[in-house]
Protein backbone atom coordinates (compact mmCIF):
# COMPACT_ATOMS: atom_id res chain seq x y z
CA UNK A 1 -120.33 59.75 104.19
CA UNK A 2 -121.60 61.93 106.99
CA UNK A 3 -120.92 61.04 110.63
CA UNK A 4 -121.60 63.11 113.72
CA UNK A 5 -120.02 62.73 117.13
CA UNK A 6 -120.64 64.85 120.22
CA UNK A 7 -118.03 67.41 119.11
CA UNK A 8 -117.37 66.73 115.42
CA UNK A 9 -118.82 66.32 111.94
CA UNK A 10 -117.15 64.03 109.41
CA UNK A 11 -118.42 65.19 106.04
CA UNK A 12 -117.48 65.48 102.37
CA UNK A 13 -114.89 68.09 101.53
CA UNK A 14 -115.97 71.58 100.49
CA UNK A 15 -113.99 74.22 98.59
CA UNK A 16 -113.63 76.26 101.79
CA UNK A 17 -111.71 73.36 103.40
CA UNK A 18 -108.78 73.39 100.99
CA UNK A 19 -106.93 76.42 102.41
CA UNK A 20 -107.02 75.31 106.08
CA UNK A 21 -106.17 71.72 105.13
CA UNK A 22 -103.31 72.99 102.96
CA UNK A 23 -102.04 74.99 105.94
CA UNK A 24 -101.99 71.77 108.01
CA UNK A 25 -100.23 69.91 105.18
CA UNK A 26 -97.61 72.70 104.95
CA UNK A 27 -96.73 72.30 108.63
CA UNK A 28 -93.52 70.22 108.92
CA UNK A 29 -94.56 68.96 112.36
CA UNK A 30 -97.95 67.72 111.07
CA UNK A 31 -96.26 66.01 108.12
CA UNK A 32 -93.31 64.71 110.16
CA UNK A 33 -94.18 61.04 109.56
CA UNK A 34 -95.35 61.35 105.94
CA UNK A 35 -93.49 60.99 102.68
CA UNK A 36 -93.38 63.31 100.93
CA UNK A 37 -93.25 65.65 103.87
CA UNK A 38 -95.01 68.98 103.31
CA UNK A 39 -97.57 69.51 100.57
CA UNK A 40 -98.34 72.62 98.54
CA UNK A 41 -101.79 74.13 98.16
CA UNK A 42 -102.07 72.48 94.74
CA UNK A 43 -101.00 69.08 96.09
CA UNK A 44 -103.54 69.35 98.90
CA UNK A 45 -106.28 70.32 96.42
CA UNK A 46 -105.37 67.27 94.32
CA UNK A 47 -105.49 65.06 97.44
CA UNK A 48 -108.95 66.39 98.32
CA UNK A 49 -110.14 65.79 94.73
CA UNK A 50 -108.86 62.19 94.93
CA UNK A 51 -110.65 61.72 98.26
CA UNK A 52 -113.89 63.07 96.79
CA UNK A 53 -113.60 60.73 93.80
CA UNK A 54 -113.04 57.75 96.14
CA UNK A 55 -116.09 58.78 98.20
CA UNK A 56 -118.30 59.01 95.11
CA UNK A 57 -117.04 55.67 93.73
CA UNK A 58 -117.02 53.64 96.94
CA UNK A 59 -119.51 55.30 99.28
CA UNK A 60 -116.81 55.92 101.87
CA UNK A 61 -113.63 57.94 101.97
CA UNK A 62 -111.18 60.23 103.70
CA UNK A 63 -113.40 63.19 104.61
CA UNK A 64 -113.24 66.59 106.27
CA UNK A 65 -113.41 66.75 110.06
CA UNK A 66 -115.18 69.86 111.32
CA UNK A 67 -115.55 70.99 114.92
CA UNK A 68 -119.24 71.60 115.67
CA UNK A 69 -118.82 74.43 118.14
CA UNK A 70 -117.27 76.83 115.63
CA UNK A 71 -117.21 75.08 112.24
CA UNK A 72 -113.39 74.96 112.21
CA UNK A 73 -111.83 72.41 109.90
CA UNK A 74 -109.53 70.43 112.17
CA UNK A 75 -108.24 68.01 109.52
CA UNK A 76 -109.20 64.93 107.56
CA UNK A 77 -109.98 61.37 108.60
CA UNK A 78 -111.65 58.38 107.12
CA UNK A 79 -111.54 55.16 105.17
CA UNK A 80 -110.00 54.40 101.81
CA UNK A 81 -108.70 51.52 99.77
CA UNK A 82 -105.03 51.01 100.61
CA UNK A 83 -102.46 51.07 97.86
CA UNK A 84 -100.68 48.09 96.37
CA UNK A 85 -97.63 48.80 98.55
CA UNK A 86 -99.47 47.18 101.47
CA UNK A 87 -98.85 43.41 101.50
CA UNK A 88 -101.76 40.98 101.42
CA UNK A 89 -104.33 43.39 99.97
CA UNK A 90 -106.77 44.52 98.99
CA UNK A 91 -107.45 46.38 102.24
CA UNK A 92 -109.63 49.18 103.53
CA UNK A 93 -107.58 51.48 105.73
CA UNK A 94 -108.33 54.14 108.28
CA UNK A 95 -106.16 57.23 108.38
CA UNK A 96 -106.03 60.79 109.71
CA UNK A 97 -104.27 64.11 109.44
CA UNK A 98 -105.14 66.75 112.03
CA UNK A 99 -103.82 70.30 112.20
CA UNK A 100 -101.49 70.88 115.14
CA UNK A 101 -103.81 73.22 117.14
CA UNK A 102 -106.25 70.30 117.46
CA UNK A 103 -103.81 67.69 118.77
CA UNK A 104 -104.10 66.13 122.24
CA UNK A 105 -107.78 66.99 122.69
CA UNK A 106 -109.21 63.56 121.91
CA UNK A 107 -110.54 64.59 118.49
CA UNK A 108 -108.69 61.90 116.52
CA UNK A 109 -109.88 59.13 118.86
CA UNK A 110 -113.46 60.44 118.81
CA UNK A 111 -113.58 60.71 115.03
CA UNK A 112 -111.76 57.44 114.33
CA UNK A 113 -113.96 55.50 116.77
CA UNK A 114 -117.08 56.85 115.05
CA UNK A 115 -115.60 56.02 111.66
CA UNK A 116 -114.97 52.41 112.71
CA UNK A 117 -118.53 52.08 114.04
CA UNK A 118 -119.75 53.38 110.67
CA UNK A 119 -117.54 50.84 108.87
CA UNK A 120 -119.10 47.97 110.79
CA UNK A 121 -122.73 49.08 110.96
CA UNK A 122 -123.39 51.09 107.79
CA UNK A 123 -120.81 49.67 105.39
CA UNK A 124 -120.76 46.06 106.58
CA UNK A 125 -116.97 45.89 106.50
CA UNK A 126 -115.39 43.11 108.52
CA UNK A 127 -111.78 44.33 108.79
CA UNK A 128 -109.98 47.66 108.72
CA UNK A 129 -106.23 48.15 108.64
CA UNK A 130 -104.05 51.03 109.65
CA UNK A 131 -100.39 51.45 108.90
CA UNK A 132 -97.67 53.93 109.65
CA UNK A 133 -93.95 54.27 109.88
CA UNK A 134 -92.46 52.36 112.78
CA UNK A 135 -91.24 55.61 114.35
CA UNK A 136 -94.69 57.27 114.35
CA UNK A 137 -95.48 56.68 118.01
CA UNK A 138 -98.49 59.07 118.17
CA UNK A 139 -100.40 57.28 115.39
CA UNK A 140 -99.39 53.87 116.69
CA UNK A 141 -100.71 54.81 120.15
CA UNK A 142 -104.02 55.93 118.62
CA UNK A 143 -104.37 52.67 116.66
CA UNK A 144 -103.82 50.74 119.86
CA UNK A 145 -106.42 52.88 121.72
CA UNK A 146 -108.85 52.01 118.92
CA UNK A 147 -108.27 48.31 119.63
CA UNK A 148 -106.13 47.73 116.54
CA UNK A 149 -103.37 45.15 116.89
CA UNK A 150 -100.07 44.68 115.08
CA UNK A 151 -98.27 41.43 114.31
CA UNK A 152 -94.51 41.96 113.85
CA UNK A 153 -94.61 39.29 111.13
CA UNK A 154 -96.66 41.75 109.04
CA UNK A 155 -94.25 44.69 109.34
CA UNK A 156 -93.13 45.85 105.90
CA UNK A 157 -91.02 48.39 104.08
CA UNK A 158 -93.10 51.01 102.30
CA UNK A 159 -91.72 50.88 98.76
CA UNK A 160 -93.01 54.41 98.09
CA UNK A 161 -90.41 55.72 100.57
CA UNK A 162 -86.74 55.73 99.49
CA UNK A 163 -84.39 53.12 100.93
CA UNK A 164 -82.52 54.40 103.96
CA UNK A 165 -85.27 56.86 104.89
CA UNK A 166 -86.34 56.31 108.54
CA UNK A 167 -89.99 56.44 107.41
CA UNK A 168 -89.62 53.35 105.17
CA UNK A 169 -90.10 50.63 107.87
CA UNK A 170 -93.85 50.33 108.53
CA UNK A 171 -96.12 48.60 111.03
CA UNK A 172 -99.45 47.15 109.91
CA UNK A 173 -102.38 47.20 112.35
CA UNK A 174 -105.69 45.35 112.00
CA UNK A 175 -109.07 45.38 113.64
CA UNK A 176 -112.00 43.13 112.83
CA UNK A 177 -115.63 43.99 113.44
CA UNK A 178 -115.88 41.12 115.92
CA UNK A 179 -113.07 42.74 117.96
CA UNK A 180 -115.39 45.66 118.70
CA UNK A 181 -118.32 43.73 120.18
């Protein structure tokens, strides 16, 4: 999966991406809405390997996001098959993790919009979901900017997060290809 936007390249992961992505995943503010919170270098490398395997198997995946102007890895973004913890599956989900220096510059919206266009035109997908903890206002706002909509009847508790943890209650967003026309 290779997608270009005016400012970004979405591309398969390379070995050189692991260290900067691990730095992002070690930042408590970046990982504020994730469980588990921060990841080690080894955990990030394993995540990247899993993403690569998904990309090879499925033809799409969670890929590296590189800024064109200087080649900086700004994070990861893409499509993947959602886990069994998401009710009503199987689903293809969109997700993102950007390093803090690249927040609030429109990169996530630019990359995610291009990824959705790719899902509709190149992959022929008809629906994409997104989900996040109820308290993750930044990601929820991005999903809404993308045209994704939530139905409170589909809210769920993420069973991979311990009971009582404020990250357990989740909101499910959906967008269909016809919503984008």
